C-alpha cells in the first residue's frame, strides 16, 4: 500500500513549466572534501584550478552545509529535501526509505531523463533492491554501493561492469555518455555525479600524485585525489561547451561532509573547528559552487546559510513542480538567491547526528560477488528486497546524539555529556563574528539558548514523527 501511495503521489504532480524553458541539471558531490580543500578558500598547496575558476565565474557559497557530518545521510538529503533522520538514514551505509519521493522521480514528471553516476551509498546497487538507483527514479546508472578507487567495478543498470581509468574521470565519462545521448535526442536531463574521492584509502593516479613531490605519500595521494576530481570537472565543463549546452545547464558542485582529518594530513577544514563526524563547522560546512551562465552572468559570493536539503525544493521551484502529498521538507528553495534576487531564509536549519551505528559497505567486494553471480547464474547470496524497511517506533522525546540549530548568524550546538548528571552541554556562537567557534556565548545569552533549544526540540519531534511513518 505504501509503494502504491508513493506512486500515486508522484503521478499527481503538477507541472507548469514549458518544455522550452527546462534547463539541464548536473548535481556533483565529492566524498569527504573539506571546506579548505580548494585553492579559492586559501589553500595554497592544493591544485584545483577548475574549481577555482568556477568560484570566479559562478555563485560561490561561503556558508553552505551538508545536512549531516557523514556521507549516506547527506546524499539522502539531496535526494529528498528532507533531513535524513526522517527516513532512518542515520549514518554511513544506511539506506533510503522506498516510500520517499526522490528528486529523480520528481523531475521525470517534467519530462526529464535521469542518470546517476558514481557513489550511491543509499542502498544496494542490485536491480532488485527497492533502494537501488533504478528503483529511486534513475533511468540510467553506473553506480557503486560506496566509495571506489581507480579501475572500479560499477553496477551499470544492475549489471556489474569493469571500468578502466582514474576514478573521478571514469565517473564523468560515464555521465557524459548519458548526457551526449540526451542532447542528441533533445531531452532535458538530470545527471547526478557523485565522486568516490577523496575518501580514504587515498590512491591517486600516478600523474596526479606526481604534482605533489614534496609531500608524504599519504598526503600526496590525498591531494592527488582532489586534483583528480578537479581535472574530471574540467572535462565535464569542456564537454558541456562542445555540446552547446553549457549556458543552459545548472551545474551544482558540493561535498557530502567535512574533511576526514587530521588537518594537514587528510583534508583541510580551512581553519574551521572540527572535522567529519562532528557538527562543528569543520564537519558540515563544505565548498559549494553553482554555475549556470544563462542565469548567473557574473561572479557572486554569498554568505547566506544554505544546505543540501535545499537542492530538492530548489529544483521543484525551478521546474514549477508541486508534488501532491509531499512529505514535510526541511529545505527551502534558494532559486531567488541563484537568480540574484533578494533572499532571506524562511526556515531555520536543524542538524542531528543521532546515536546509531553505520552499515559497512565495501563497494568492490560487494560488486565482485554480484558479478560472479551474474557470470555463473548463481542465486543471489543476499536478500536486499527489504532494504529501507523501518519497523521500529521511536519515542517522540528521544533526542539522543549531538544536534545543532542555526538561526541566521547564531548557532546552538548541543552535545551529549556522559560524565555529568546534566545530559547535554550547550554552546552558542555568532558565526559572523566567530566563524571558528572559539567563544561559547551560551552563559551570556540564556534566553536565546532557551528559545533556540525549544525550536530545536520541536523540530526533532517532527523528525521523529516522520521516522515513525506519519508522513505516508
Protein backbone atom coordinates (compact mmCIF):
# COMPACT_ATOMS: atom_id res chain seq x y z
CA UNK A 1 0.00 0.00 0.00
CA UNK A 2 2.82 2.43 0.82
CA UNK A 3 4.53 1.78 -2.50
CA UNK A 4 1.21 2.35 -4.32
CA UNK A 5 0.66 5.58 -2.39
CA UNK A 6 4.15 6.81 -3.27
CA UNK A 7 3.47 6.06 -6.94
CA UNK A 8 0.16 7.92 -6.86
CA UNK A 9 1.83 10.88 -5.18
CA UNK A 10 4.36 11.13 -7.97
CA UNK A 11 1.80 10.72 -10.75
CA UNK A 12 -0.31 13.57 -9.41
CA UNK A 13 2.49 16.12 -9.61
CA UNK A 14 1.56 19.48 -11.09
CA UNK A 15 3.82 20.64 -13.92
CA UNK A 16 3.70 24.27 -15.01
CA UNK A 17 6.99 24.85 -16.89
CA UNK A 18 7.06 24.89 -20.69
CA UNK A 19 9.35 22.38 -22.39
CA UNK A 20 11.43 25.15 -23.97
CA UNK A 21 12.44 26.52 -20.56
CA UNK A 22 13.73 23.34 -18.96
CA UNK A 23 17.40 23.69 -18.05
CA UNK A 24 19.63 20.66 -17.82
CA UNK A 25 20.81 19.96 -14.27
CA UNK A 26 24.01 18.33 -13.05
CA UNK A 27 24.50 17.71 -9.32
CA UNK A 28 28.10 16.90 -8.41
CA UNK A 29 29.31 15.81 -4.98
CA UNK A 30 32.74 14.98 -3.64
CA UNK A 31 33.28 12.42 -0.88
CA UNK A 32 34.90 13.92 2.25
CA UNK A 33 36.25 17.08 0.59
CA UNK A 34 36.76 19.66 3.32
CA UNK A 35 35.96 23.38 3.23
CA UNK A 36 39.67 24.13 2.90
CA UNK A 37 40.36 21.58 0.17
CA UNK A 38 40.16 24.12 -2.64
CA UNK A 39 42.53 26.83 -3.72
CA UNK A 40 39.88 29.55 -3.64
CA UNK A 41 39.41 29.07 0.11
CA UNK A 42 43.03 29.90 0.80
CA UNK A 43 44.76 26.55 0.32
CA UNK A 44 47.96 27.49 -1.49
CA UNK A 45 49.18 23.90 -1.82
CA UNK A 46 46.26 22.09 -3.40
CA UNK A 47 45.83 22.26 -7.17
CA UNK A 48 42.18 22.90 -8.04
CA UNK A 49 42.31 25.30 -11.00
CA UNK A 50 38.91 24.28 -12.36
CA UNK A 51 37.03 24.71 -9.09
CA UNK A 52 38.89 27.96 -8.54
CA UNK A 53 37.75 29.16 -11.97
CA UNK A 54 34.17 28.13 -11.20
CA UNK A 55 34.31 30.11 -7.95
CA UNK A 56 35.20 33.20 -10.02
CA UNK A 57 32.54 32.72 -12.67
CA UNK A 58 29.52 31.34 -10.84
CA UNK A 59 27.79 31.69 -7.48
CA UNK A 60 30.11 30.79 -4.61
CA UNK A 61 28.61 29.80 -1.26
CA UNK A 62 30.73 30.56 1.78
CA UNK A 63 28.15 29.16 4.24
CA UNK A 64 26.84 26.04 2.56
CA UNK A 65 26.25 22.98 4.75
CA UNK A 66 25.99 19.25 4.33
CA UNK A 67 22.84 18.07 6.08
CA UNK A 68 24.90 15.55 8.06
CA UNK A 69 28.54 15.08 9.08
CA UNK A 70 28.81 11.75 7.23
CA UNK A 71 28.11 10.56 3.71
CA UNK A 72 24.93 8.49 3.24
CA UNK A 73 22.66 10.82 5.22
CA UNK A 74 23.77 13.89 3.27
CA UNK A 75 23.21 12.08 -0.02
CA UNK A 76 19.73 11.14 1.15
CA UNK A 77 19.04 14.80 1.90
CA UNK A 78 19.88 15.72 -1.70
CA UNK A 79 17.50 13.08 -2.97
CA UNK A 80 14.56 14.14 -0.81
CA UNK A 81 14.94 17.68 0.53
CA UNK A 82 14.47 16.20 3.98
CA UNK A 83 16.71 15.66 6.96
CA UNK A 84 17.90 12.05 6.64
CA UNK A 85 16.76 11.09 10.13
CA UNK A 86 13.20 11.45 8.85
CA UNK A 87 13.67 8.25 6.84
CA UNK A 88 16.10 6.41 9.10
CA UNK A 89 19.31 7.20 7.22
CA UNK A 90 21.25 7.97 10.41
CA UNK A 91 24.79 7.01 9.40
CA UNK A 92 27.02 5.71 6.63
CA UNK A 93 25.65 2.75 4.72
CA UNK A 94 22.05 3.35 5.84
CA UNK A 95 19.54 3.49 3.00
CA UNK A 96 16.74 5.49 1.51
CA UNK A 97 13.22 4.60 2.54
CA UNK A 98 11.41 3.38 -0.59
CA UNK A 99 8.34 5.50 0.23
CA UNK A 100 10.33 8.73 -0.14
CA UNK A 101 9.77 10.89 -3.23
CA UNK A 102 13.16 11.46 -4.82
CA UNK A 103 14.44 14.30 -6.93
CA UNK A 104 14.84 11.89 -9.85
CA UNK A 105 11.25 10.72 -9.60
CA UNK A 106 10.03 14.30 -9.42
CA UNK A 107 11.85 15.65 -12.48
CA UNK A 108 10.81 12.66 -14.60
CA UNK A 109 7.27 14.04 -14.33
CA UNK A 110 8.54 17.18 -16.05
CA UNK A 111 9.86 15.11 -18.96
CA UNK A 112 13.46 14.77 -17.79
CA UNK A 113 15.78 11.85 -18.38
CA UNK A 114 17.68 10.93 -15.23
CA UNK A 115 21.06 9.38 -14.58
CA UNK A 116 23.20 8.55 -11.55
CA UNK A 117 26.94 8.01 -11.79
CA UNK A 118 29.44 7.09 -9.08
CA UNK A 119 28.94 6.63 -5.36
CA UNK A 120 25.37 5.74 -4.40
CA UNK A 121 25.67 4.58 -0.75
CA UNK A 122 21.90 4.72 -0.22
CA UNK A 123 21.25 1.03 -0.77
CA UNK A 124 22.49 -1.93 -2.75
CA UNK A 125 23.33 -1.47 -6.42
CA UNK A 126 21.40 -4.63 -7.21
CA UNK A 127 18.44 -4.12 -9.52
CA UNK A 128 16.07 -5.91 -7.13
CA UNK A 129 16.74 -3.57 -4.19
CA UNK A 130 13.91 -1.06 -3.59
CA UNK A 131 16.66 1.39 -2.60
CA UNK A 132 18.78 0.97 -5.75
CA UNK A 133 19.31 3.90 -8.13
CA UNK A 134 16.99 2.25 -10.65
CA UNK A 135 14.17 1.94 -8.12
CA UNK A 136 14.79 5.53 -6.95
CA UNK A 137 13.96 7.21 -10.24
CA UNK A 138 17.10 6.91 -12.35
CA UNK A 139 16.74 5.75 -15.96
CA UNK A 140 20.47 5.17 -16.40
CA UNK A 141 23.01 4.39 -13.71
CA UNK A 142 26.59 3.31 -13.31
CA UNK A 143 26.92 3.21 -9.57
CA UNK A 144 28.83 1.80 -6.61
CA UNK A 145 27.37 0.99 -3.19
CA UNK A 146 30.12 3.07 -1.51
CA UNK A 147 33.35 4.87 -2.39
CA UNK A 148 35.56 3.29 -5.03
CA UNK A 149 39.08 3.61 -6.38
CA UNK A 150 40.75 3.65 -9.82
CA UNK A 151 39.71 0.96 -12.34
CA UNK A 152 36.45 0.39 -10.45
CA UNK A 153 33.67 -2.10 -10.74
CA UNK A 154 30.35 -0.29 -11.20
CA UNK A 155 26.81 -1.58 -11.47
CA UNK A 156 25.50 -0.44 -14.86
CA UNK A 157 21.74 -0.61 -14.62
CA UNK A 158 22.19 -3.59 -12.31
CA UNK A 159 24.84 -5.43 -14.36
CA UNK A 160 28.38 -5.23 -12.97
CA UNK A 161 30.99 -3.96 -15.42
CA UNK A 162 34.71 -3.35 -15.13
CA UNK A 163 35.75 0.25 -15.85
CA UNK A 164 39.27 1.46 -16.52
CA UNK A 165 40.87 4.73 -15.52
CA UNK A 166 41.22 7.29 -12.75
CA UNK A 167 38.10 7.03 -10.63
CA UNK A 168 36.73 10.56 -10.99
CA UNK A 169 37.34 10.60 -14.72
CA UNK A 170 35.60 7.25 -15.06
CA UNK A 171 32.58 8.76 -13.34
CA UNK A 172 32.47 11.83 -15.55
CA UNK A 173 32.98 9.77 -18.71
CA UNK A 174 30.01 7.56 -17.80
CA UNK A 175 27.91 10.67 -17.18
CA UNK A 176 28.99 12.21 -20.47
CA UNK A 177 27.87 9.12 -22.39
CA UNK A 178 24.42 9.65 -20.88
CA UNK A 179 24.48 13.42 -21.42
CA UNK A 180 25.51 13.08 -25.05
CA UNK A 181 22.58 10.77 -25.74
CA UNK A 182 20.10 13.18 -24.17
CA UNK A 183 21.46 16.11 -26.18
CA UNK A 184 21.18 14.07 -29.38
CA UNK A 185 17.59 13.16 -28.51
CA UNK A 186 16.83 16.78 -27.49
CA UNK A 187 15.72 15.77 -23.99
CA UNK A 188 16.36 17.74 -20.80
CA UNK A 189 18.24 15.75 -18.20
CA UNK A 190 19.23 15.44 -14.57
CA UNK A 191 22.67 13.91 -14.09
CA UNK A 192 23.79 13.13 -10.54
CA UNK A 193 27.59 12.72 -10.42
CA UNK A 194 28.82 11.56 -7.03
CA UNK A 195 32.59 11.03 -6.89
CA UNK A 196 34.22 8.40 -4.68
CA UNK A 197 37.14 10.70 -3.81
CA UNK A 198 38.89 11.87 -1.69
CA UNK A 199 37.61 9.21 0.72
CA UNK A 200 40.27 7.01 2.33
CA UNK A 201 42.20 4.93 1.43
CA UNK A 202 43.74 7.58 -0.79
CA UNK A 203 45.04 6.20 -4.07
CA UNK A 204 45.63 8.97 -6.57
CA UNK A 205 46.70 8.31 -10.11
CA UNK A 206 50.44 8.43 -10.64
CA UNK A 207 50.03 11.59 -12.72
CA UNK A 208 48.08 13.45 -10.03
CA UNK A 209 50.27 12.20 -7.17
CA UNK A 210 53.36 13.45 -9.00
CA UNK A 211 52.03 17.01 -8.75
CA UNK A 212 52.97 16.96 -5.04
CA UNK A 213 56.59 15.73 -4.96
CA UNK A 214 57.45 17.35 -1.62
CA UNK A 215 54.60 15.78 0.35
CA UNK A 216 54.39 12.49 2.21
CA UNK A 217 52.95 9.61 0.21
CA UNK A 218 49.68 9.72 2.12
CA UNK A 219 49.35 13.46 1.72
CA UNK A 220 50.28 13.38 -1.97
CA UNK A 221 47.65 10.71 -2.58
CA UNK A 222 45.01 12.75 -0.79
CA UNK A 223 45.82 15.94 -2.65
CA UNK A 224 46.08 13.99 -5.90
CA UNK A 225 42.58 12.59 -5.45
CA UNK A 226 41.16 16.10 -5.05
CA UNK A 227 43.05 17.21 -8.13
CA UNK A 228 41.62 14.17 -9.91
CA UNK A 229 38.11 15.46 -9.17
CA UNK A 230 39.13 18.90 -10.38
CA UNK A 231 40.50 17.51 -13.64
CA UNK A 232 37.32 15.50 -14.22
CA UNK A 233 35.22 18.59 -13.56
CA UNK A 234 37.34 20.36 -16.17
CA UNK A 235 36.49 17.72 -18.76
CA UNK A 236 32.81 17.91 -17.83
CA UNK A 237 32.68 21.68 -18.29
CA UNK A 238 34.62 21.48 -21.54
CA UNK A 239 32.29 18.88 -23.00
CA UNK A 240 29.21 20.86 -21.98
CA UNK A 241 30.65 23.65 -24.10
CA UNK A 242 31.35 21.31 -27.04
CA UNK A 243 27.77 20.03 -26.84
CA UNK A 244 26.46 23.59 -26.88
CA UNK A 245 24.57 23.27 -23.60
CA UNK A 246 26.87 24.99 -21.08
CA UNK A 247 24.75 28.16 -20.87
CA UNK A 248 21.51 26.25 -20.33
CA UNK A 249 22.90 23.80 -17.75
CA UNK A 250 22.76 24.30 -13.99
CA UNK A 251 25.96 22.78 -12.62
CA UNK A 252 25.99 22.41 -8.81
CA UNK A 253 29.16 21.26 -7.02
CA UNK A 254 29.43 20.44 -3.32
CA UNK A 255 30.74 17.85 -0.82
CA UNK A 256 28.93 15.38 1.42
CA UNK A 257 30.66 16.41 4.68
CA UNK A 258 33.81 17.99 6.04
CA UNK A 259 37.35 16.70 5.80
CA UNK A 260 38.26 13.42 7.43
CA UNK A 261 41.35 14.88 9.08
CA UNK A 262 43.71 15.22 10.77
CA UNK A 263 44.31 18.71 9.43
CA UNK A 264 47.24 18.86 7.07
CA UNK A 265 47.28 15.10 6.50
CA UNK A 266 43.87 14.07 5.18
CA UNK A 267 41.94 17.14 4.23
CA UNK A 268 41.55 20.68 5.45
CA UNK A 269 38.72 22.46 7.21
CA UNK A 270 40.17 25.82 6.16
CA UNK A 271 40.65 26.77 9.80
CA UNK A 272 37.13 25.78 10.88
CA UNK A 273 36.74 23.82 14.09
CA UNK A 274 36.12 20.07 13.90
CA UNK A 275 36.08 17.51 11.09
CA UNK A 276 33.95 14.80 9.51
CA UNK A 277 31.66 13.11 12.01
CA UNK A 278 31.07 16.23 14.13
CA UNK A 279 28.60 19.10 13.98
CA UNK A 280 31.31 21.70 14.41
CA UNK A 281 31.64 23.88 11.33
CA UNK A 282 34.54 21.80 10.02
CA UNK A 283 32.29 18.74 9.94
CA UNK A 284 29.40 20.18 7.97
CA UNK A 285 30.43 23.39 6.15
CA UNK A 286 31.54 22.42 2.64
CA UNK A 287 32.85 24.06 -0.55
CA UNK A 288 29.94 24.77 -2.91
CA UNK A 289 29.59 26.49 -6.28
CA UNK A 290 26.80 26.84 -8.84
CA UNK A 291 27.43 27.67 -12.48
CA UNK A 292 24.51 28.50 -14.77
CA UNK A 293 25.74 31.05 -17.30
CA UNK A 294 22.34 31.99 -18.74
CA UNK A 295 21.19 32.97 -15.23
CA UNK A 296 24.40 33.65 -13.29
CA UNK A 297 26.07 36.00 -15.75
CA UNK A 298 28.74 37.26 -13.36
CA UNK A 299 30.50 36.09 -10.26
CA UNK A 300 28.77 36.44 -6.92
CA UNK A 301 29.68 35.32 -3.39
CA UNK A 302 27.02 34.70 -0.78
CA UNK A 303 27.17 34.21 2.99
CA UNK A 304 23.51 33.21 3.21
CA UNK A 305 23.37 29.85 5.04
CA UNK A 306 22.18 27.11 2.68
CA UNK A 307 22.09 23.34 2.90
CA UNK A 308 21.96 20.17 0.82
CA UNK A 309 18.30 19.82 1.86
CA UNK A 310 17.68 22.94 -0.25
CA UNK A 311 18.61 21.24 -3.54
CA UNK A 312 15.35 19.29 -3.95
CA UNK A 313 12.94 22.19 -3.24
CA UNK A 314 15.04 24.48 -5.44
CA UNK A 315 14.73 22.08 -8.36
CA UNK A 316 10.98 21.74 -7.80
CA UNK A 317 10.63 25.52 -7.73
CA UNK A 318 12.74 25.88 -10.86
CA UNK A 319 10.55 23.43 -12.77
CA UNK A 320 7.24 24.61 -11.31
CA UNK A 321 6.63 21.18 -9.80
CA UNK A 322 4.25 20.70 -6.90
CA UNK A 323 4.16 17.14 -5.63
CA UNK A 324 0.79 16.31 -4.13
CA UNK A 325 1.03 14.85 -0.62
CA UNK A 326 4.67 15.90 -0.47
CA UNK A 327 6.12 14.85 2.90
CA UNK A 328 7.36 17.73 5.04
CA UNK A 329 10.52 19.34 3.68
CA UNK A 330 13.39 20.71 5.73
CA UNK A 331 14.90 22.58 2.82
CA UNK A 332 13.75 25.74 1.09
CA UNK A 333 14.03 26.90 -2.50
CA UNK A 334 17.05 29.11 -2.96
CA UNK A 335 16.13 29.87 -6.57
CA UNK A 336 15.77 33.62 -5.86
CA UNK A 337 19.30 33.64 -4.44
CA UNK A 338 20.59 31.85 -7.53
CA UNK A 339 18.82 34.37 -9.75
CA UNK A 340 20.36 37.30 -7.87
CA UNK A 341 17.10 38.44 -6.28
CA UNK A 342 16.63 39.49 -2.63
CA UNK A 343 16.52 36.36 -0.50
CA UNK A 344 16.11 35.63 3.21
CA UNK A 345 15.95 32.08 4.50
CA UNK A 346 12.37 31.27 5.55
CA UNK A 347 13.28 28.26 7.73
CA UNK A 348 15.84 27.80 10.43
CA UNK A 349 18.30 24.97 9.89
CA UNK A 350 18.46 21.83 12.04
CA UNK A 351 21.23 19.23 12.34
CA UNK A 352 21.02 15.97 14.25
CA UNK A 353 23.67 13.27 14.47
CA UNK A 354 21.50 10.61 16.09
CA UNK A 355 23.19 7.92 18.16
CA UNK A 356 23.18 4.96 15.78
CA UNK A 357 25.68 2.74 14.05
CA UNK A 358 26.77 2.72 10.43
CA UNK A 359 26.50 -0.18 8.00
CA UNK A 360 29.76 -1.29 6.34
CA UNK A 361 29.58 -1.49 2.55
CA UNK A 362 32.79 -2.44 0.73
CA UNK A 363 31.87 -1.48 -2.80
CA UNK A 364 34.37 -3.53 -4.77
CA UNK A 365 33.79 -6.67 -2.69
CA UNK A 366 30.00 -6.38 -2.97
CA UNK A 367 30.14 -5.80 -6.70
CA UNK A 368 32.64 -8.62 -7.21
CA UNK A 369 30.18 -11.01 -5.56
CA UNK A 370 27.34 -9.72 -7.72
CA UNK A 371 29.50 -10.01 -10.85
CA UNK A 372 30.29 -13.63 -10.08
CA UNK A 373 26.60 -14.38 -9.51
CA UNK A 374 25.76 -12.83 -12.85
CA UNK A 375 28.51 -14.70 -14.67
CA UNK A 376 27.67 -18.10 -13.15
CA UNK A 377 23.92 -17.74 -12.87
CA UNK A 378 24.06 -18.45 -9.14
CA UNK A 379 21.22 -17.39 -6.91
CA UNK A 380 21.77 -14.13 -5.01
CA UNK A 381 23.68 -14.74 -1.81
CA UNK A 382 21.99 -11.83 -0.10
CA UNK A 383 18.38 -10.65 0.12
CA UNK A 384 18.13 -6.89 -0.40
CA UNK A 385 14.43 -6.75 -1.22
CA UNK A 386 13.55 -5.29 2.18
CA UNK A 387 16.13 -2.50 2.20
CA UNK A 388 14.83 0.68 3.75
CA UNK A 389 12.03 -1.01 5.68
CA UNK A 390 11.61 0.52 9.14
CA UNK A 391 9.57 -1.28 11.78
CA UNK A 392 10.87 0.32 14.98
CA UNK A 393 8.90 3.11 16.63
CA UNK A 394 10.86 5.91 18.33
CA UNK A 395 9.83 7.91 21.39
CA UNK A 396 8.89 11.48 20.50
CA UNK A 397 11.36 12.85 23.05
CA UNK A 398 14.27 10.59 22.03
CA UNK A 399 16.79 13.35 21.28
CA UNK A 400 19.90 11.17 21.60
CA UNK A 401 23.11 12.34 19.97
CA UNK A 402 24.57 15.69 19.02
CA UNK A 403 22.34 18.31 17.46
CA UNK A 404 22.50 21.90 16.31
CA UNK A 405 20.15 24.72 15.38
CA UNK A 406 21.07 27.63 13.11
CA UNK A 407 19.16 30.88 13.01
CA UNK A 408 20.92 33.43 10.82
CA UNK A 409 24.37 34.06 12.32
CA UNK A 410 23.52 32.17 15.51
CA UNK A 411 24.38 28.53 16.00
CA UNK A 412 23.33 26.49 19.03
CA UNK A 413 25.27 23.26 19.44
CA UNK A 414 24.02 20.65 21.90
CA UNK A 415 26.39 17.80 22.69
CA UNK A 416 25.91 14.78 24.99
CA UNK A 417 27.79 14.82 28.27
CA UNK A 418 28.11 11.30 29.62
CA UNK A 419 30.19 12.40 32.60
CA UNK A 420 27.59 14.70 34.12
CA UNK A 421 24.10 14.46 35.57
CA UNK A 422 23.14 17.11 33.03
CA UNK A 423 22.67 15.18 29.76
CA UNK A 424 23.84 17.90 27.35
CA UNK A 425 26.40 20.68 27.08
CA UNK A 426 25.28 23.79 25.22
CA UNK A 427 27.39 26.03 23.01
CA UNK A 428 26.24 29.23 21.36
CA UNK A 429 28.21 31.00 18.65
CA UNK A 430 27.73 34.03 16.46
CA UNK A 431 29.26 32.74 13.25
CA UNK A 432 29.51 36.17 11.66
CA UNK A 433 31.84 37.25 14.45
CA UNK A 434 33.34 33.85 15.35
CA UNK A 435 33.48 31.55 12.32
CA UNK A 436 35.91 29.22 14.10
CA UNK A 437 33.60 28.69 17.10
CA UNK A 438 36.14 29.74 19.69
CA UNK A 439 33.95 31.66 22.15
CA UNK A 440 30.94 29.99 23.79
CA UNK A 441 28.30 32.68 24.40
CA UNK A 442 25.71 30.39 25.98
CA UNK A 443 26.02 31.82 29.50
CA UNK A 444 25.69 35.35 28.15
CA UNK A 445 22.50 34.69 26.17
CA UNK A 446 20.41 32.36 28.31
CA UNK A 447 17.09 33.45 26.79
CA UNK A 448 18.37 32.88 23.27
CA UNK A 449 19.65 29.44 24.27
CA UNK A 450 16.25 28.60 25.76
CA UNK A 451 14.33 29.75 22.69
CA UNK A 452 16.64 28.01 20.25
CA UNK A 453 16.55 24.80 22.30
CA UNK A 454 12.75 24.84 22.21
CA UNK A 455 12.82 25.29 18.42
CA UNK A 456 15.38 22.53 18.06
CA UNK A 457 13.36 20.06 20.11
CA UNK A 458 10.11 20.91 18.31
CA UNK A 459 11.88 20.19 15.04
CA UNK A 460 13.36 16.95 16.41
CA UNK A 461 9.89 15.79 17.46
CA UNK A 462 8.70 16.48 13.92
CA UNK A 463 11.61 14.43 12.58
CA UNK A 464 10.70 11.51 14.85
CA UNK A 465 7.07 11.65 13.68
CA UNK A 466 8.33 11.30 10.11
CA UNK A 467 10.66 8.49 11.17
CA UNK A 468 7.68 6.70 12.72
CA UNK A 469 5.87 6.78 9.37
CA UNK A 470 3.38 9.60 9.92
CA UNK A 471 4.25 11.27 6.59
CA UNK A 472 2.94 8.41 4.45
